[in-house]
Amino acid sequence: MNVLINGQAQSLPGAATLADALAALKPTPPFAVAVNREFVPRSGYGERRLQPDDQIEVIRPVTGG
């Protein structure tokens, strides 16, 4: 199945979860994740099944003053 991760096309197995997508991306913590603009808590990464054409955003916090 094809999904978008931070605007880039990514091919994943048909029964992929959000945890699978993140394992392929290997983001460096800390980060937050949204699927189709809906925040997904870290505890839900393994349970969130992805669908074709889902849009995943991995967001890094920005600090500063």
PDB file of N, CA and C in Angstrom:
ATOM      1  N   MET A   1       0.852  -1.172   0.000  1.00  0.00           N
ATOM      2  CA  MET A   1       0.000   0.000   0.000  1.00  0.00           C
ATOM      3  C   MET A   1       0.892   1.228   0.000  1.00  0.00           C
ATOM      4  N   ASN A   2       0.397   2.290  -0.575  1.00  0.00           N
ATOM      5  CA  ASN A   2       1.133   3.547  -0.627  1.00  0.00           C
ATOM      6  C   ASN A   2       0.544   4.538   0.355  1.00  0.00           C
ATOM      7  N   VAL A   3       1.431   5.203   1.093  1.00  0.00           N
ATOM      8  CA  VAL A   3       1.053   6.265   2.017  1.00  0.00           C
ATOM      9  C   VAL A   3       1.997   7.435   1.771  1.00  0.00           C
ATOM     10  N   LEU A   4       1.668   8.568   2.352  1.00  0.00           N
ATOM     11  CA  LEU A   4       2.567   9.717   2.327  1.00  0.00           C
ATOM     12  C   LEU A   4       3.105   9.928   3.731  1.00  0.00           C
ATOM     13  N   ILE A   5       4.420  10.039   3.849  1.00  0.00           N
ATOM     14  CA  ILE A   5       5.052  10.348   5.133  1.00  0.00           C
ATOM     15  C   ILE A   5       5.801  11.664   4.945  1.00  0.00           C
ATOM     16  N   ASN A   6       5.339  12.686   5.646  1.00  0.00           N
ATOM     17  CA  ASN A   6       5.896  14.038   5.503  1.00  0.00           C
ATOM     18  C   ASN A   6       5.954  14.450   4.035  1.00  0.00           C
ATOM     19  N   GLY A   7       4.895  14.119   3.295  1.00  0.00           N
ATOM     20  CA  GLY A   7       4.773  14.520   1.910  1.00  0.00           C
ATOM     21  C   GLY A   7       5.512  13.654   0.902  1.00  0.00           C
ATOM     22  N   GLN A   8       6.195  12.617   1.381  1.00  0.00           N
ATOM     23  CA  GLN A   8       6.947  11.730   0.494  1.00  0.00           C
ATOM     24  C   GLN A   8       6.236  10.386   0.378  1.00  0.00           C
ATOM     25  N   ALA A   9       6.095   9.884  -0.836  1.00  0.00           N
ATOM     26  CA  ALA A   9       5.445   8.587  -1.054  1.00  0.00           C
ATOM     27  C   ALA A   9       6.287   7.477  -0.434  1.00  0.00           C
ATOM     28  N   GLN A  10       5.616   6.556   0.234  1.00  0.00           N
ATOM     29  CA  GLN A  10       6.272   5.414   0.875  1.00  0.00           C
ATOM     30  C   GLN A  10       5.400   4.190   0.641  1.00  0.00           C
ATOM     31  N   SER A  11       6.016   3.080   0.279  1.00  0.00           N
ATOM     32  CA  SER A  11       5.287   1.832   0.082  1.00  0.00           C
ATOM     33  C   SER A  11       5.457   0.974   1.323  1.00  0.00           C
ATOM     34  N   LEU A  12       4.338   0.484   1.847  1.00  0.00           N
ATOM     35  CA  LEU A  12       4.325  -0.352   3.048  1.00  0.00           C
ATOM     36  C   LEU A  12       3.516  -1.617   2.780  1.00  0.00           C
ATOM     37  N   PRO A  13       3.748  -2.678   3.575  1.00  0.00           N
ATOM     38  CA  PRO A  13       2.926  -3.888   3.439  1.00  0.00           C
ATOM     39  C   PRO A  13       1.449  -3.566   3.677  1.00  0.00           C
ATOM     40  N   GLY A  14       0.567  -4.375   3.128  1.00  0.00           N
ATOM     41  CA  GLY A  14      -0.867  -4.135   3.203  1.00  0.00           C
ATOM     42  C   GLY A  14      -1.452  -4.034   4.593  1.00  0.00           C
ATOM     43  N   ALA A  15      -0.905  -4.730   5.561  1.00  0.00           N
ATOM     44  CA  ALA A  15      -1.447  -4.713   6.927  1.00  0.00           C
ATOM     45  C   ALA A  15      -0.576  -3.884   7.864  1.00  0.00           C
ATOM     46  N   ALA A  16       0.055  -2.842   7.332  1.00  0.00           N
ATOM     47  CA  ALA A  16       0.997  -2.051   8.122  1.00  0.00           C
ATOM     48  C   ALA A  16       0.294  -1.229   9.199  1.00  0.00           C
ATOM     49  N   THR A  17       1.012  -1.045  10.292  1.00  0.00           N
ATOM     50  CA  THR A  17       0.560  -0.166  11.366  1.00  0.00           C
ATOM     51  C   THR A  17       1.415   1.100  11.335  1.00  0.00           C
ATOM     52  N   LEU A  18       1.017   2.053  12.132  1.00  0.00           N
ATOM     53  CA  LEU A  18       1.809   3.268  12.248  1.00  0.00           C
ATOM     54  C   LEU A  18       3.199   2.940  12.778  1.00  0.00           C
ATOM     55  N   ALA A  19       3.302   1.985  13.686  1.00  0.00           N
ATOM     56  CA  ALA A  19       4.608   1.564  14.203  1.00  0.00           C
ATOM     57  C   ALA A  19       5.497   1.044  13.077  1.00  0.00           C
ATOM     58  N   ASP A  20       4.933   0.314  12.126  1.00  0.00           N
ATOM     59  CA  ASP A  20       5.703  -0.174  10.974  1.00  0.00           C
ATOM     60  C   ASP A  20       6.232   0.989  10.140  1.00  0.00           C
ATOM     61  N   ALA A  21       5.390   1.972   9.910  1.00  0.00           N
ATOM     62  CA  ALA A  21       5.807   3.133   9.124  1.00  0.00           C
ATOM     63  C   ALA A  21       6.928   3.885   9.827  1.00  0.00           C
ATOM     64  N   LEU A  22       6.813   4.034  11.132  1.00  0.00           N
ATOM     65  CA  LEU A  22       7.853   4.740  11.885  1.00  0.00           C
ATOM     66  C   LEU A  22       9.146   3.949  11.917  1.00  0.00           C
ATOM     67  N   ALA A  23       9.053   2.628  11.952  1.00  0.00           N
ATOM     68  CA  ALA A  23      10.262   1.792  11.916  1.00  0.00           C
ATOM     69  C   ALA A  23      10.998   1.992  10.598  1.00  0.00           C
ATOM     70  N   ALA A  24      10.269   2.167   9.507  1.00  0.00           N
ATOM     71  CA  ALA A  24      10.890   2.401   8.207  1.00  0.00           C
ATOM     72  C   ALA A  24      11.522   3.792   8.138  1.00  0.00           C
ATOM     73  N   LEU A  25      10.898   4.760   8.791  1.00  0.00           N
ATOM     74  CA  LEU A  25      11.373   6.138   8.761  1.00  0.00           C
ATOM     75  C   LEU A  25      12.534   6.372   9.731  1.00  0.00           C
ATOM     76  N   LYS A  26      12.502   5.701  10.879  1.00  0.00           N
ATOM     77  CA  LYS A  26      13.515   5.826  11.937  1.00  0.00           C
ATOM     78  C   LYS A  26      13.721   7.269  12.404  1.00  0.00           C
ATOM     79  N   PRO A  27      12.646   7.939  12.829  1.00  0.00           N
ATOM     80  CA  PRO A  27      12.807   9.308  13.314  1.00  0.00           C
ATOM     81  C   PRO A  27      13.524   9.336  14.666  1.00  0.00           C
ATOM     82  N   THR A  28      14.236  10.410  14.910  1.00  0.00           N
ATOM     83  CA  THR A  28      14.937  10.592  16.178  1.00  0.00           C
ATOM     84  C   THR A  28      14.009  11.287  17.161  1.00  0.00           C
ATOM     85  N   PRO A  29      13.796  10.689  18.342  1.00  0.00           N
ATOM     86  CA  PRO A  29      12.940  11.348  19.340  1.00  0.00           C
ATOM     87  C   PRO A  29      13.563  12.667  19.789  1.00  0.00           C
ATOM     88  N   PRO A  30      12.773  13.595  20.256  1.00  0.00           N
ATOM     89  CA  PRO A  30      11.322  13.535  20.448  1.00  0.00           C
ATOM     90  C   PRO A  30      10.581  13.923  19.167  1.00  0.00           C
ATOM     91  N   PHE A  31       9.398  13.377  19.007  1.00  0.00           N
ATOM     92  CA  PHE A  31       8.549  13.700  17.870  1.00  0.00           C
ATOM     93  C   PHE A  31       7.106  13.377  18.219  1.00  0.00           C
ATOM     94  N   ALA A  32       6.191  13.960  17.462  1.00  0.00           N
ATOM     95  CA  ALA A  32       4.765  13.653  17.573  1.00  0.00           C
ATOM     96  C   ALA A  32       4.320  13.187  16.197  1.00  0.00           C
ATOM     97  N   VAL A  33       3.219  12.426  16.149  1.00  0.00           N
ATOM     98  CA  VAL A  33       2.760  11.862  14.883  1.00  0.00           C
ATOM     99  C   VAL A  33       1.257  12.121  14.709  1.00  0.00           C
ATOM    100  N   ALA A  34       0.903  12.474  13.496  1.00  0.00           N
ATOM    101  CA  ALA A  34      -0.505  12.630  13.130  1.00  0.00           C
ATOM    102  C   ALA A  34      -0.766  11.810  11.871  1.00  0.00           C
ATOM    103  N   VAL A  35      -1.925  11.184  11.820  1.00  0.00           N
ATOM    104  CA  VAL A  35      -2.371  10.469  10.627  1.00  0.00           C
ATOM    105  C   VAL A  35      -3.634  11.173  10.151  1.00  0.00           C
ATOM    106  N   ASN A  36      -3.579  11.662   8.924  1.00  0.00           N
ATOM    107  CA  ASN A  36      -4.704  12.418   8.362  1.00  0.00           C
ATOM    108  C   ASN A  36      -5.124  13.556   9.288  1.00  0.00           C
ATOM    109  N   ARG A  37      -4.109  14.248   9.806  1.00  0.00           N
ATOM    110  CA  ARG A  37      -4.277  15.420  10.685  1.00  0.00           C
ATOM    111  C   ARG A  37      -4.846  15.090  12.065  1.00  0.00           C
ATOM    112  N   GLU A  38      -4.863  13.836  12.438  1.00  0.00           N
ATOM    113  CA  GLU A  38      -5.345  13.411  13.759  1.00  0.00           C
ATOM    114  C   GLU A  38      -4.156  12.910  14.576  1.00  0.00           C
ATOM    115  N   PHE A  39      -3.890  13.567  15.707  1.00  0.00           N
ATOM    116  CA  PHE A  39      -2.794  13.177  16.572  1.00  0.00           C
ATOM    117  C   PHE A  39      -2.985  11.742  17.049  1.00  0.00           C
ATOM    118  N   VAL A  40      -1.908  10.964  17.044  1.00  0.00           N
ATOM    119  CA  VAL A  40      -1.939   9.588  17.532  1.00  0.00           C
ATOM    120  C   VAL A  40      -0.972   9.501  18.712  1.00  0.00           C
ATOM    121  N   PRO A  41      -1.454   9.153  19.909  1.00  0.00           N
ATOM    122  CA  PRO A  41      -0.544   9.033  21.050  1.00  0.00           C
ATOM    123  C   PRO A  41       0.428   7.877  20.852  1.00  0.00           C
ATOM    124  N   ARG A  42       1.593   7.992  21.447  1.00  0.00           N
ATOM    125  CA  ARG A  42       2.627   6.964  21.310  1.00  0.00           C
ATOM    126  C   ARG A  42       2.085   5.579  21.651  1.00  0.00           C
ATOM    127  N   SER A  43       1.221   5.489  22.628  1.00  0.00           N
ATOM    128  CA  SER A  43       0.667   4.194  23.034  1.00  0.00           C
ATOM    129  C   SER A  43      -0.196   3.563  21.941  1.00  0.00           C
ATOM    130  N   GLY A  44      -0.596   4.342  20.944  1.00  0.00           N
ATOM    131  CA  GLY A  44      -1.448   3.833  19.882  1.00  0.00           C
ATOM    132  C   GLY A  44      -0.730   3.489  18.582  1.00  0.00           C
ATOM    133  N   TYR A  45       0.587   3.673  18.517  1.00  0.00           N
ATOM    134  CA  TYR A  45       1.317   3.440  17.273  1.00  0.00           C
ATOM    135  C   TYR A  45       1.148   2.012  16.754  1.00  0.00           C
ATOM    136  N   GLY A  46       1.216   1.023  17.646  1.00  0.00           N
ATOM    137  CA  GLY A  46       1.118  -0.374  17.229  1.00  0.00           C
ATOM    138  C   GLY A  46      -0.289  -0.803  16.872  1.00  0.00           C
ATOM    139  N   GLU A  47      -1.271  -0.069  17.360  1.00  0.00           N
ATOM    140  CA  GLU A  47      -2.674  -0.423  17.128  1.00  0.00           C
ATOM    141  C   GLU A  47      -3.271   0.286  15.914  1.00  0.00           C
ATOM    142  N   ARG A  48      -2.680   1.393  15.513  1.00  0.00           N
ATOM    143  CA  ARG A  48      -3.245   2.194  14.420  1.00  0.00           C
ATOM    144  C   ARG A  48      -2.918   1.561  13.077  1.00  0.00           C
ATOM    145  N   ARG A  49      -3.904   0.918  12.467  1.00  0.00           N
ATOM    146  CA  ARG A  49      -3.748   0.314  11.142  1.00  0.00           C
ATOM    147  C   ARG A  49      -3.808   1.408  10.093  1.00  0.00           C
ATOM    148  N   LEU A  50      -2.918   1.333   9.142  1.00  0.00           N
ATOM    149  CA  LEU A  50      -2.889   2.326   8.073  1.00  0.00           C
ATOM    150  C   LEU A  50      -3.729   1.862   6.895  1.00  0.00           C
ATOM    151  N   GLN A  51      -4.239   2.829   6.158  1.00  0.00           N
ATOM    152  CA  GLN A  51      -5.037   2.591   4.967  1.00  0.00           C
ATOM    153  C   GLN A  51      -4.308   3.202   3.769  1.00  0.00           C
ATOM    154  N   PRO A  52      -4.549   2.680   2.563  1.00  0.00           N
ATOM    155  CA  PRO A  52      -3.926   3.288   1.387  1.00  0.00           C
ATOM    156  C   PRO A  52      -4.200   4.789   1.331  1.00  0.00           C
ATOM    157  N   ASP A  53      -3.177   5.532   0.963  1.00  0.00           N
ATOM    158  CA  ASP A  53      -3.241   6.988   0.803  1.00  0.00           C
ATOM    159  C   ASP A  53      -3.337   7.770   2.106  1.00  0.00           C
ATOM    160  N   ASP A  54      -3.140   7.112   3.256  1.00  0.00           N
ATOM    161  CA  ASP A  54      -3.069   7.861   4.512  1.00  0.00           C
ATOM    162  C   ASP A  54      -1.925   8.862   4.433  1.00  0.00           C
ATOM    163  N   GLN A  55      -2.100   9.983   5.120  1.00  0.00           N
ATOM    164  CA  GLN A  55      -1.067  11.008   5.186  1.00  0.00           C
ATOM    165  C   GLN A  55      -0.538  11.069   6.611  1.00  0.00           C
ATOM    166  N   ILE A  56       0.728  10.726   6.757  1.00  0.00           N
ATOM    167  CA  ILE A  56       1.378  10.659   8.066  1.00  0.00           C
ATOM    168  C   ILE A  56       2.329  11.837   8.180  1.00  0.00           C
ATOM    169  N   GLU A  57       2.223  12.564   9.282  1.00  0.00           N
ATOM    170  CA  GLU A  57       3.134  13.673   9.546  1.00  0.00           C
ATOM    171  C   GLU A  57       3.889  13.377  10.830  1.00  0.00           C
ATOM    172  N   VAL A  58       5.208  13.414  10.744  1.00  0.00           N
ATOM    173  CA  VAL A  58       6.069  13.263  11.904  1.00  0.00           C
ATOM    174  C   VAL A  58       6.596  14.659  12.210  1.00  0.00           C
ATOM    175  N   ILE A  59       6.248  15.168  13.378  1.00  0.00           N
ATOM    176  CA  ILE A  59       6.505  16.555  13.723  1.00  0.00           C
ATOM    177  C   ILE A  59       7.496  16.622  14.875  1.00  0.00           C
ATOM    178  N   ARG A  60       8.549  17.377  14.665  1.00  0.00           N
ATOM    179  CA  ARG A  60       9.561  17.574  15.697  1.00  0.00           C
ATOM    180  C   ARG A  60       9.277  18.879  16.428  1.00  0.00           C
ATOM    181  N   PRO A  61       9.441  18.885  17.755  1.00  0.00           N
ATOM    182  CA  PRO A  61       9.197  20.116  18.491  1.00  0.00           C
ATOM    183  C   PRO A  61      10.253  21.180  18.151  1.00  0.00           C
ATOM    184  N   VAL A  62       9.834  22.414  18.211  1.00  0.00           N
ATOM    185  CA  VAL A  62      10.730  23.533  17.967  1.00  0.00           C
ATOM    186  C   VAL A  62      10.831  24.329  19.253  1.00  0.00           C
ATOM    187  N   THR A  63      12.051  24.605  19.664  1.00  0.00           N
ATOM    188  CA  THR A  63      12.252  25.390  20.886  1.00  0.00           C
ATOM    189  C   THR A  63      12.963  26.679  20.524  1.00  0.00           C
ATOM    190  N   GLY A  64      12.878  27.601  21.408  1.00  0.00           N
ATOM    191  CA  GLY A  64      13.554  28.865  21.177  1.00  0.00           C
ATOM    192  C   GLY A  64      12.794  30.000  21.845  1.00  0.00           C
ATOM    193  N   GLY A  65      13.297  31.157  21.690  1.00  0.00           N
ATOM    194  CA  GLY A  65      12.664  32.262  22.373  1.00  0.00           C
ATOM    195  C   GLY A  65      12.442  33.447  21.520  1.00  0.00           C
TER     196      GLY A  65
END
